[in-house]
C-alpha cells in the first residue's frame, strides 16, 4: 500500500457522520461509556470463567489483561489522534488496508464480537435479576429479561447521543462506587488470606493461565467503544487518548478490588459453581443478606449501562461501514437514517443471540473474533501507517506478539475442552471473509458497469 496524505485516506461518509454529532460527548461521558462496557462484561459476566482457568491466580489474570490491552490501545490511540472518526476501528482498518476484503471482514468481526458482548451482558443482567428468587436457571425468564434490557438499550440510544452519554455517566458513577463499597467491605470482613487465596496456586497450569487472559482481554475491550465514537467526543485529538487511558486505569483498579473480594470470600470451586453470579455469591457469606441484595442492584446497574454503551458503539460502527460501502444495507421499507436502521439491526441480532444461544460458549467466539481483528489492526498499522502517525514499531510488534501468544493458548485449551467452539470460530471467520469477498466483488463489477 502506498503511503498518502491524510486527505487521501479519508473514508467515504466520515465527514457527514462526524459533523452530525461533533462534540456531543464530553471527556467524562466518554469515560463513562468505556467503563460501562468494560465493567458490565468484565466483572459480572466473566469473573467465573477467568477463575476456572486461572485458579487462585485469577486476580493476576486481570492485571495481565490490562497490560496487554494497554499495549493494544497504543495503535488505536495513535490512529484516533490522527483521524478521530465515528467509524473508529473501521476507519483504522480502511486506512491500513484500503476499502477491501481485509478491512471490511476485520471490521465486521469486531462488530460481531461487540454484539456477542451485548448478549452476554444482557443474559448476565437476567441472571442477577432472577437470583434473589432462585429462578436463575429458568431459560424462558432469562431470555425474556435479557431481551427486555436490549429493547430498553434501544430506546435510550434512539433518544440521542446526549441521552446515552448522560445515562452512562450516572450509571457508571453508581456502579463504580457501589462495587468499591462491596469489594472493600468484603475484603474487610473476610480478610485477604482466606477462600481461594488459601488454595495451592500450583494447581494452575501456565497454558490455562494464559488462556484465562484471553477472557480478561475481552473484559477490557470496551475501550474500543471510545474509538468507535472518536468523532463525537469533545476535542477528540486531545481527549480520545485520555479517555481510553483513564478508562483502562479505572477498570483495572475496579477489577482487582472485586477479584480480591470474591477470592477472599469463596473457594475456586464455589466461584466456578456460581460463575454467572459470582459477586452475589461472594457477598452473602461476607456481608449477609443485605450485602447480597446490594450487590445484585449494583450488578443490574452495571450490566444495564454496559449494554446501552455497547449498542451505541456498534450501531455507529455498522453505519460507518455501510457509508464506506464495506457491508450491504437494506432499508426494509423503514424511514429514517442509516444509523437508525443499524441501531435496529444491532438490537435484533443481540436479542436473538440472548434468547437462542448458550452465551458462555458464545463468549469464547467473542474472544476469537476480537483477537483476530486486533492482530489485523496492529499489523496494518505497523505495515502501512506507523511512519505517518509516528507509532513505534517495537510497541506495535509487542502488542501483536502478545495477542498471538494468548490466542494460541486459548485455542489449545478450547481444543481440549470444547473443540467444536474452535471449529465454529474458524468457520465463522471464514464465512465473514467469504461473504465480504462476494459482496465487494459484486459491488466492484456493478460500479464498472
Protein backbone atom coordinates (compact mmCIF):
# COMPACT_ATOMS: atom_id res chain seq x y z
CA UNK A 1 0.00 0.00 0.00
CA UNK A 2 1.41 3.38 -0.98
CA UNK A 3 1.60 5.99 1.72
CA UNK A 4 -0.54 9.07 1.03
CA UNK A 5 -1.54 12.21 2.85
CA UNK A 6 -4.40 12.44 5.32
CA UNK A 7 -6.88 13.58 2.72
CA UNK A 8 -6.20 10.55 0.53
CA UNK A 9 -7.05 8.29 3.45
CA UNK A 10 -10.43 9.85 4.11
CA UNK A 11 -13.20 7.27 4.27
CA UNK A 12 -16.45 7.91 2.45
CA UNK A 13 -19.11 9.20 4.79
CA UNK A 14 -16.78 10.10 7.63
CA UNK A 15 -17.25 13.85 7.32
CA UNK A 16 -21.03 13.83 7.35
CA UNK A 17 -21.24 11.38 10.22
CA UNK A 18 -18.75 13.23 12.35
CA UNK A 19 -20.28 16.64 11.68
CA UNK A 20 -23.74 15.33 12.57
CA UNK A 21 -22.84 14.73 16.22
CA UNK A 22 -19.50 16.52 16.56
CA UNK A 23 -18.61 17.33 20.15
CA UNK A 24 -21.70 15.83 21.78
CA UNK A 25 -19.80 13.52 24.17
CA UNK A 26 -17.68 15.03 26.95
CA UNK A 27 -14.46 13.57 28.33
CA UNK A 28 -16.36 12.24 31.35
CA UNK A 29 -19.17 10.93 29.16
CA UNK A 30 -16.65 9.03 27.04
CA UNK A 31 -15.00 7.53 30.13
CA UNK A 32 -18.44 6.53 31.39
CA UNK A 33 -19.25 4.74 28.13
CA UNK A 34 -15.90 2.93 28.05
CA UNK A 35 -16.06 1.81 31.67
CA UNK A 36 -19.74 0.99 31.20
CA UNK A 37 -18.99 -1.64 28.59
CA UNK A 38 -15.88 -2.98 30.32
CA UNK A 39 -17.24 -3.31 33.83
CA UNK A 40 -20.53 -4.75 32.62
CA UNK A 41 -18.80 -7.64 30.89
CA UNK A 42 -15.56 -7.99 32.79
CA UNK A 43 -16.72 -8.40 36.34
CA UNK A 44 -20.24 -9.74 36.23
CA UNK A 45 -20.09 -11.97 33.15
CA UNK A 46 -16.50 -13.25 33.00
CA UNK A 47 -15.07 -13.50 36.54
CA UNK A 48 -16.17 -17.12 36.98
CA UNK A 49 -14.76 -18.23 33.63
CA UNK A 50 -11.45 -16.49 34.36
CA UNK A 51 -11.21 -18.09 37.82
CA UNK A 52 -12.00 -21.51 36.35
CA UNK A 53 -8.92 -21.28 34.11
CA UNK A 54 -6.53 -19.26 36.28
CA UNK A 55 -7.37 -20.77 39.69
CA UNK A 56 -6.18 -18.79 42.74
CA UNK A 57 -4.11 -16.57 40.43
CA UNK A 58 -7.18 -15.14 38.72
CA UNK A 59 -6.64 -11.57 40.05
CA UNK A 60 -3.30 -11.57 38.23
CA UNK A 61 -5.10 -12.54 35.03
CA UNK A 62 -6.89 -9.19 35.14
CA UNK A 63 -3.54 -7.42 35.57
CA UNK A 64 -2.08 -9.29 32.59
CA UNK A 65 -5.17 -8.50 30.55
CA UNK A 66 -4.82 -4.80 31.41
CA UNK A 67 -1.15 -4.74 30.36
CA UNK A 68 -1.88 -6.37 27.01
CA UNK A 69 -4.87 -4.07 26.50
CA UNK A 70 -2.66 -1.05 27.22
CA UNK A 71 -0.26 -2.26 24.52
CA UNK A 72 -3.15 -2.80 22.14
CA UNK A 73 -4.60 0.64 22.89
CA UNK A 74 -1.41 2.24 21.55
CA UNK A 75 -2.42 1.55 17.94
CA UNK A 76 -5.96 2.84 18.47
CA UNK A 77 -4.85 5.99 20.30
CA UNK A 78 -2.26 6.87 17.65
CA UNK A 79 -4.80 6.39 14.86
CA UNK A 80 -7.61 8.20 16.68
CA UNK A 81 -5.36 11.16 17.46
CA UNK A 82 -4.53 11.46 13.77
CA UNK A 83 -8.04 10.85 12.42
CA UNK A 84 -10.80 10.90 15.07
CA UNK A 85 -13.86 9.33 13.47
CA UNK A 86 -17.21 7.81 14.37
CA UNK A 87 -16.05 4.87 12.25
CA UNK A 88 -13.38 4.01 14.83
CA UNK A 89 -11.95 0.61 14.08
CA UNK A 90 -13.48 0.54 10.61
CA UNK A 91 -11.64 3.75 9.84
CA UNK A 92 -8.34 2.35 11.16
CA UNK A 93 -8.64 -0.80 9.07
CA UNK A 94 -9.74 1.07 5.95
CA UNK A 95 -6.75 3.39 6.17
CA UNK A 96 -4.37 0.46 6.77
CA UNK A 97 -5.67 -1.96 4.15
CA UNK A 98 -7.87 0.13 1.86
CA UNK A 99 -11.62 -0.47 1.40
CA UNK A 100 -11.20 -4.15 0.58
CA UNK A 101 -11.93 -7.60 1.95
CA UNK A 102 -9.45 -7.50 4.87
CA UNK A 103 -10.66 -4.17 6.25
CA UNK A 104 -14.33 -4.99 5.80
CA UNK A 105 -14.04 -8.51 7.25
CA UNK A 106 -11.99 -7.48 10.28
CA UNK A 107 -14.40 -4.61 10.98
CA UNK A 108 -17.34 -6.99 10.79
CA UNK A 109 -15.58 -9.41 13.18
CA UNK A 110 -15.23 -6.55 15.65
CA UNK A 111 -18.89 -5.64 15.28
CA UNK A 112 -19.92 -9.26 15.82
CA UNK A 113 -17.77 -9.53 18.96
CA UNK A 114 -19.48 -6.40 20.30
CA UNK A 115 -22.94 -7.82 19.58
CA UNK A 116 -21.91 -11.02 21.34
CA UNK A 117 -20.82 -8.90 24.30
CA UNK A 118 -24.24 -7.21 24.41
CA UNK A 119 -25.95 -10.59 24.52
CA UNK A 120 -23.60 -11.94 27.16
CA UNK A 121 -24.09 -8.93 29.43
CA UNK A 122 -27.87 -8.91 28.87
CA UNK A 123 -28.01 -12.56 29.88
CA UNK A 124 -25.91 -11.76 32.96
CA UNK A 125 -28.36 -8.97 33.85
CA UNK A 126 -31.19 -11.51 33.72
CA UNK A 127 -29.27 -14.00 35.86
CA UNK A 128 -28.63 -11.46 38.62
CA UNK A 129 -32.22 -10.19 38.46
CA UNK A 130 -33.58 -13.72 38.96
CA UNK A 131 -31.02 -14.90 41.53
CA UNK A 132 -32.90 -13.44 44.59
CA UNK A 133 -35.89 -15.57 43.60
CA UNK A 134 -33.87 -18.73 42.93
CA UNK A 135 -35.04 -18.72 39.32
CA UNK A 136 -31.72 -18.10 37.53
CA UNK A 137 -31.96 -21.48 35.79
CA UNK A 138 -35.30 -20.67 34.14
CA UNK A 139 -34.34 -20.25 30.48
CA UNK A 140 -37.63 -18.64 29.48
CA UNK A 141 -37.40 -15.91 32.12
CA UNK A 142 -33.70 -15.41 31.39
CA UNK A 143 -34.50 -14.86 27.72
CA UNK A 144 -37.41 -12.51 28.42
CA UNK A 145 -35.44 -10.30 30.82
CA UNK A 146 -32.34 -10.24 28.58
CA UNK A 147 -34.48 -9.24 25.62
CA UNK A 148 -36.20 -6.58 27.72
CA UNK A 149 -32.86 -4.99 28.60
CA UNK A 150 -31.80 -4.93 24.96
CA UNK A 151 -35.07 -3.22 23.99
CA UNK A 152 -34.51 -0.66 26.77
CA UNK A 153 -30.99 -0.04 25.43
CA UNK A 154 -32.51 0.61 22.01
CA UNK A 155 -34.94 3.19 23.44
CA UNK A 156 -32.15 5.07 25.27
CA UNK A 157 -29.96 5.08 22.15
CA UNK A 158 -32.84 6.19 19.94
CA UNK A 159 -33.23 9.25 22.19
CA UNK A 160 -29.83 10.56 21.03
CA UNK A 161 -26.15 10.86 21.97
CA UNK A 162 -26.66 13.17 24.94
CA UNK A 163 -29.12 10.71 26.49
CA UNK A 164 -26.56 7.88 26.12
CA UNK A 165 -23.71 9.99 27.49
CA UNK A 166 -25.74 11.34 30.42
CA UNK A 167 -27.27 7.98 31.32
CA UNK A 168 -23.87 6.24 31.10
CA UNK A 169 -22.25 8.86 33.33
CA UNK A 170 -24.85 8.47 36.08
CA UNK A 171 -24.88 4.67 35.90
CA UNK A 172 -21.08 4.43 35.87
CA UNK A 173 -20.80 6.59 38.98
CA UNK A 174 -23.38 4.43 40.78
CA UNK A 175 -21.83 1.10 39.85
CA UNK A 176 -18.16 2.00 40.37
CA UNK A 177 -18.96 3.50 43.76
CA UNK A 178 -21.15 0.53 44.66
CA UNK A 179 -18.59 -2.03 43.51
CA UNK A 180 -15.87 -0.29 45.54
CA UNK A 181 -18.06 -0.37 48.65
CA UNK A 182 -18.84 -4.07 48.10
CA UNK A 183 -15.21 -5.01 47.47
CA UNK A 184 -13.66 -3.09 50.36
CA UNK A 185 -16.32 -4.31 52.80
CA UNK A 186 -15.97 -7.93 51.66
CA UNK A 187 -12.18 -7.80 51.96
CA UNK A 188 -12.51 -6.25 55.43
CA UNK A 189 -14.99 -8.93 56.52
CA UNK A 190 -13.14 -11.96 55.11
CA UNK A 191 -9.52 -10.85 55.10
CA UNK A 192 -7.20 -11.26 52.15
CA UNK A 193 -5.84 -14.65 53.16
CA UNK A 194 -8.95 -16.80 53.01
CA UNK A 195 -11.15 -18.50 50.44
CA UNK A 196 -9.45 -19.10 47.08
CA UNK A 197 -6.22 -17.49 48.28
CA UNK A 198 -5.60 -20.33 50.74
CA UNK A 199 -5.55 -22.82 47.87
CA UNK A 200 -2.40 -24.02 46.14
CA UNK A 201 -1.50 -21.73 43.23
CA UNK A 202 0.42 -24.56 41.57
CA UNK A 203 -2.96 -26.07 40.63
CA UNK A 204 -2.94 -23.55 37.76
CA UNK A 205 -1.02 -24.55 34.63
CA UNK A 206 0.80 -21.95 32.55
CA UNK A 207 -1.34 -22.67 29.48
CA UNK A 208 -4.56 -22.33 31.45
CA UNK A 209 -3.44 -19.04 32.94
CA UNK A 210 -2.58 -17.63 29.51
CA UNK A 211 -5.94 -18.81 28.21
CA UNK A 212 -7.68 -17.02 31.09
CA UNK A 213 -6.00 -13.80 29.97
CA UNK A 214 -8.00 -14.07 26.73
CA UNK A 215 -11.20 -13.59 28.75
CA UNK A 216 -9.53 -10.78 30.71
CA UNK A 217 -8.67 -9.01 27.44
CA UNK A 218 -12.30 -9.44 26.39
CA UNK A 219 -13.24 -7.78 29.69
CA UNK A 220 -11.18 -4.71 28.71
CA UNK A 221 -12.08 -4.49 25.04
CA UNK A 222 -14.81 -1.98 25.85
CA UNK A 223 -12.19 0.73 25.31
CA UNK A 224 -12.93 0.31 21.60
CA UNK A 225 -16.34 1.86 22.34
CA UNK A 226 -14.42 5.11 22.77
CA UNK A 227 -12.54 4.61 19.49
CA UNK A 228 -15.81 3.99 17.66
CA UNK A 229 -17.19 7.30 18.96
CA UNK A 230 -14.00 9.32 18.43
CA UNK A 231 -15.52 11.91 16.11
CA UNK A 232 -18.28 12.64 18.62
CA UNK A 233 -16.02 13.34 21.62
CA UNK A 234 -15.27 16.96 22.53
CA UNK A 235 -11.75 17.97 21.36
CA UNK A 236 -11.08 14.43 20.05
CA UNK A 237 -7.38 14.89 19.15
CA UNK A 238 -6.70 15.53 22.84
CA UNK A 239 -9.45 13.61 24.59
CA UNK A 240 -9.78 10.24 22.80
CA UNK A 241 -6.42 9.01 24.08
CA UNK A 242 -7.03 10.39 27.57
CA UNK A 243 -10.46 8.79 27.68
CA UNK A 244 -9.06 5.37 26.75
CA UNK A 245 -6.20 5.55 29.27
CA UNK A 246 -8.39 6.74 32.14
CA UNK A 247 -11.00 4.06 31.39
CA UNK A 248 -8.42 1.26 31.49
CA UNK A 249 -6.95 2.57 34.76
CA UNK A 250 -10.38 2.82 36.42
CA UNK A 251 -11.33 -0.66 35.23
CA UNK A 252 -8.16 -2.47 36.29
CA UNK A 253 -8.45 -0.93 39.77
CA UNK A 254 -12.10 -1.98 39.96
CA UNK A 255 -11.39 -5.49 38.66
CA UNK A 256 -8.58 -6.03 41.16
CA UNK A 257 -10.73 -4.92 44.07
CA UNK A 258 -13.56 -7.23 43.04
CA UNK A 259 -11.26 -10.17 42.30
CA UNK A 260 -9.71 -9.85 45.76
CA UNK A 261 -13.17 -9.60 47.35
CA UNK A 262 -14.53 -12.64 45.51
CA UNK A 263 -11.36 -14.68 46.05
CA UNK A 264 -11.26 -13.95 49.76
CA UNK A 265 -14.93 -14.94 50.22
CA UNK A 266 -15.20 -18.08 48.04
CA UNK A 267 -13.05 -21.03 47.03
CA UNK A 268 -12.32 -21.59 43.35
CA UNK A 269 -14.87 -24.39 43.26
CA UNK A 270 -17.54 -22.09 44.68
CA UNK A 271 -16.67 -19.32 42.22
CA UNK A 272 -16.93 -21.71 39.28
CA UNK A 273 -20.20 -23.15 40.55
CA UNK A 274 -21.69 -19.64 40.77
CA UNK A 275 -19.82 -18.21 37.80
CA UNK A 276 -22.88 -16.48 36.35
CA UNK A 277 -23.49 -14.62 39.62
CA UNK A 278 -20.18 -14.93 41.46
CA UNK A 279 -20.26 -11.44 43.01
CA UNK A 280 -23.65 -12.02 44.58
CA UNK A 281 -22.45 -15.41 45.84
CA UNK A 282 -19.36 -13.78 47.36
CA UNK A 283 -21.36 -11.02 49.04
CA UNK A 284 -23.58 -13.37 51.03
CA UNK A 285 -21.01 -15.08 53.30
CA UNK A 286 -19.04 -11.87 53.80
CA UNK A 287 -21.82 -9.31 54.13
CA UNK A 288 -25.02 -11.26 54.73
CA UNK A 289 -28.37 -10.82 53.05
CA UNK A 290 -28.12 -7.03 52.83
CA UNK A 291 -24.78 -7.31 51.04
CA UNK A 292 -26.27 -9.87 48.68
CA UNK A 293 -29.13 -7.58 47.62
CA UNK A 294 -26.81 -4.57 47.41
CA UNK A 295 -24.55 -6.48 45.02
CA UNK A 296 -27.49 -7.57 42.88
CA UNK A 297 -28.59 -3.94 42.50
CA UNK A 298 -25.08 -2.86 41.50
CA UNK A 299 -24.89 -5.74 39.00
CA UNK A 300 -28.15 -4.64 37.41
CA UNK A 301 -26.86 -1.06 37.10
CA UNK A 302 -23.54 -2.20 35.64
CA UNK A 303 -24.97 -4.56 33.07
CA UNK A 304 -27.63 -2.04 32.03
CA UNK A 305 -25.11 0.70 31.29
CA UNK A 306 -22.83 -1.84 29.59
CA UNK A 307 -25.47 -2.90 27.08
CA UNK A 308 -26.51 0.70 26.38
CA UNK A 309 -22.93 1.81 25.70
CA UNK A 310 -22.18 -1.23 23.52
CA UNK A 311 -25.34 -0.78 21.41
CA UNK A 312 -24.35 2.86 20.91
CA UNK A 313 -20.88 1.97 19.63
CA UNK A 314 -21.67 -0.99 17.39
CA UNK A 315 -24.64 0.68 15.68
CA UNK A 316 -22.45 3.63 14.74
CA UNK A 317 -19.65 1.37 13.58
CA UNK A 318 -22.05 -0.53 11.29
CA UNK A 319 -23.45 2.75 9.96
CA UNK A 320 -19.94 3.86 9.05
CA UNK A 321 -19.22 0.52 7.35
CA UNK A 322 -22.38 0.99 5.32
CA UNK A 323 -21.40 4.53 4.27
CA UNK A 324 -17.95 3.23 3.35
CA UNK A 325 -19.69 0.61 1.17
CA UNK A 326 -18.00 -2.22 3.05
CA UNK A 327 -21.17 -4.08 4.05
CA UNK A 328 -24.57 -4.38 2.32
CA UNK A 329 -27.60 -2.48 3.56
CA UNK A 330 -31.33 -2.68 3.06
CA UNK A 331 -33.95 -0.26 4.43
CA UNK A 332 -36.64 -2.98 4.56
CA UNK A 333 -39.18 -0.24 3.99
CA UNK A 334 -38.12 1.73 7.09
CA UNK A 335 -37.78 5.50 7.13
CA UNK A 336 -35.01 7.38 8.89
CA UNK A 337 -31.22 7.48 8.68
CA UNK A 338 -28.80 4.62 8.17
CA UNK A 339 -27.78 4.98 11.81
CA UNK A 340 -31.34 4.44 12.99
CA UNK A 341 -31.59 1.34 10.82
CA UNK A 342 -28.30 -0.05 12.14
CA UNK A 343 -29.46 0.57 15.69
CA UNK A 344 -32.47 -1.64 15.00
CA UNK A 345 -30.41 -4.34 13.28
CA UNK A 346 -27.92 -4.35 16.17
CA UNK A 347 -30.54 -4.92 18.87
CA UNK A 348 -32.36 -7.54 16.76
CA UNK A 349 -29.21 -9.64 16.36
CA UNK A 350 -28.19 -9.15 20.01
CA UNK A 351 -31.70 -10.08 21.15
CA UNK A 352 -31.71 -13.22 19.02
CA UNK A 353 -28.36 -14.33 20.46
CA UNK A 354 -29.52 -13.62 24.02
CA UNK A 355 -32.65 -15.71 23.53
CA UNK A 356 -31.35 -18.61 21.47
CA UNK A 357 -27.78 -19.45 22.44
CA UNK A 358 -25.51 -20.61 25.29
CA UNK A 359 -23.65 -17.40 25.93
CA UNK A 360 -20.76 -18.94 27.86
CA UNK A 361 -19.83 -20.64 24.59
CA UNK A 362 -20.55 -17.53 22.55
CA UNK A 363 -18.21 -15.57 24.83
CA UNK A 364 -15.44 -17.82 23.52
CA UNK A 365 -16.44 -16.90 19.98
CA UNK A 366 -16.12 -13.28 21.01
CA UNK A 367 -12.52 -13.93 22.10
CA UNK A 368 -11.59 -15.48 18.75
CA UNK A 369 -13.25 -12.74 16.70
CA UNK A 370 -11.79 -9.91 18.75
CA UNK A 371 -8.20 -11.18 18.93
CA UNK A 372 -8.05 -11.90 15.18
CA UNK A 373 -9.36 -8.39 14.46
CA UNK A 374 -6.94 -6.83 16.97
CA UNK A 375 -3.95 -8.58 15.38
CA UNK A 376 -5.01 -7.32 11.94
CA UNK A 377 -5.17 -3.76 13.33
CA UNK A 378 -1.64 -3.94 14.76
CA UNK A 379 -0.20 -5.49 11.61
CA UNK A 380 -1.94 -2.97 9.36
CA UNK A 381 -0.71 0.00 11.39
CA UNK A 382 2.82 -1.44 11.57
CA UNK A 383 2.99 -2.34 7.89
CA UNK A 384 1.37 0.73 6.33
CA UNK A 385 0.86 3.64 8.71
CA UNK A 386 3.42 3.74 11.52
CA UNK A 387 5.62 6.37 9.88
CA UNK A 388 2.69 8.61 9.04
CA UNK A 389 1.28 8.62 12.59
CA UNK A 390 4.61 8.39 14.46
CA UNK A 391 4.00 4.97 16.02
CA UNK A 392 6.88 2.90 17.41
CA UNK A 393 7.41 -0.42 15.65
CA UNK A 394 8.54 -2.17 18.85
CA UNK A 395 5.27 -1.38 20.65
CA UNK A 396 3.16 -2.48 17.68
CA UNK A 397 5.04 -5.77 17.27
CA UNK A 398 4.96 -6.48 21.01
CA UNK A 399 1.18 -6.00 21.04
CA UNK A 400 0.86 -8.27 18.00
CA UNK A 401 3.02 -10.99 19.59
CA UNK A 402 1.13 -10.79 22.90
CA UNK A 403 -2.20 -11.27 21.10
CA UNK A 404 -0.74 -14.21 19.18
CA UNK A 405 0.51 -15.98 22.32
CA UNK A 406 -2.81 -15.53 24.14
CA UNK A 407 -4.83 -16.66 21.11
CA UNK A 408 -2.66 -19.77 20.71
CA UNK A 409 -3.01 -20.69 24.41
CA UNK A 410 -6.77 -20.10 24.35
CA UNK A 411 -7.12 -22.23 21.22
CA UNK A 412 -5.16 -25.11 22.75
CA UNK A 413 -7.30 -25.10 25.91
CA UNK A 414 -10.52 -24.99 23.90
CA UNK A 415 -9.36 -27.80 21.61
CA UNK A 416 -9.12 -29.99 24.72
CA UNK A 417 -12.30 -28.84 26.48
CA UNK A 418 -14.62 -27.79 23.66
CA UNK A 419 -13.19 -28.47 20.18
CA UNK A 420 -16.45 -27.56 18.46
CA UNK A 421 -16.18 -23.94 19.55
CA UNK A 422 -12.82 -23.71 17.77
CA UNK A 423 -14.44 -25.16 14.65
CA UNK A 424 -17.33 -22.69 14.94
CA UNK A 425 -14.88 -19.80 15.33
CA UNK A 426 -12.79 -20.80 12.32
CA UNK A 427 -15.94 -21.41 10.30
CA UNK A 428 -17.41 -18.06 11.35
CA UNK A 429 -14.25 -16.15 10.45
CA UNK A 430 -14.02 -17.89 7.08
CA UNK A 431 -17.70 -17.16 6.42
CA UNK A 432 -17.23 -13.46 7.17
CA UNK A 433 -14.26 -13.20 4.81
CA UNK A 434 -16.04 -15.17 2.07
CA UNK A 435 -19.23 -13.12 2.36
CA UNK A 436 -17.28 -9.86 2.19
CA UNK A 437 -15.32 -11.06 -0.83
CA UNK A 438 -18.54 -11.93 -2.66
CA UNK A 439 -20.22 -8.63 -1.73
CA UNK A 440 -17.25 -6.42 -2.62
CA UNK A 441 -16.56 -8.31 -5.86
CA UNK A 442 -20.18 -7.90 -6.94
CA UNK A 443 -20.13 -4.22 -5.95
CA UNK A 444 -16.94 -3.66 -7.96
CA UNK A 445 -18.49 -5.26 -11.07
CA UNK A 446 -21.62 -3.12 -10.72
CA UNK A 447 -19.56 0.06 -10.45
CA UNK A 448 -17.57 -0.82 -13.58
CA UNK A 449 -20.77 -1.46 -15.49
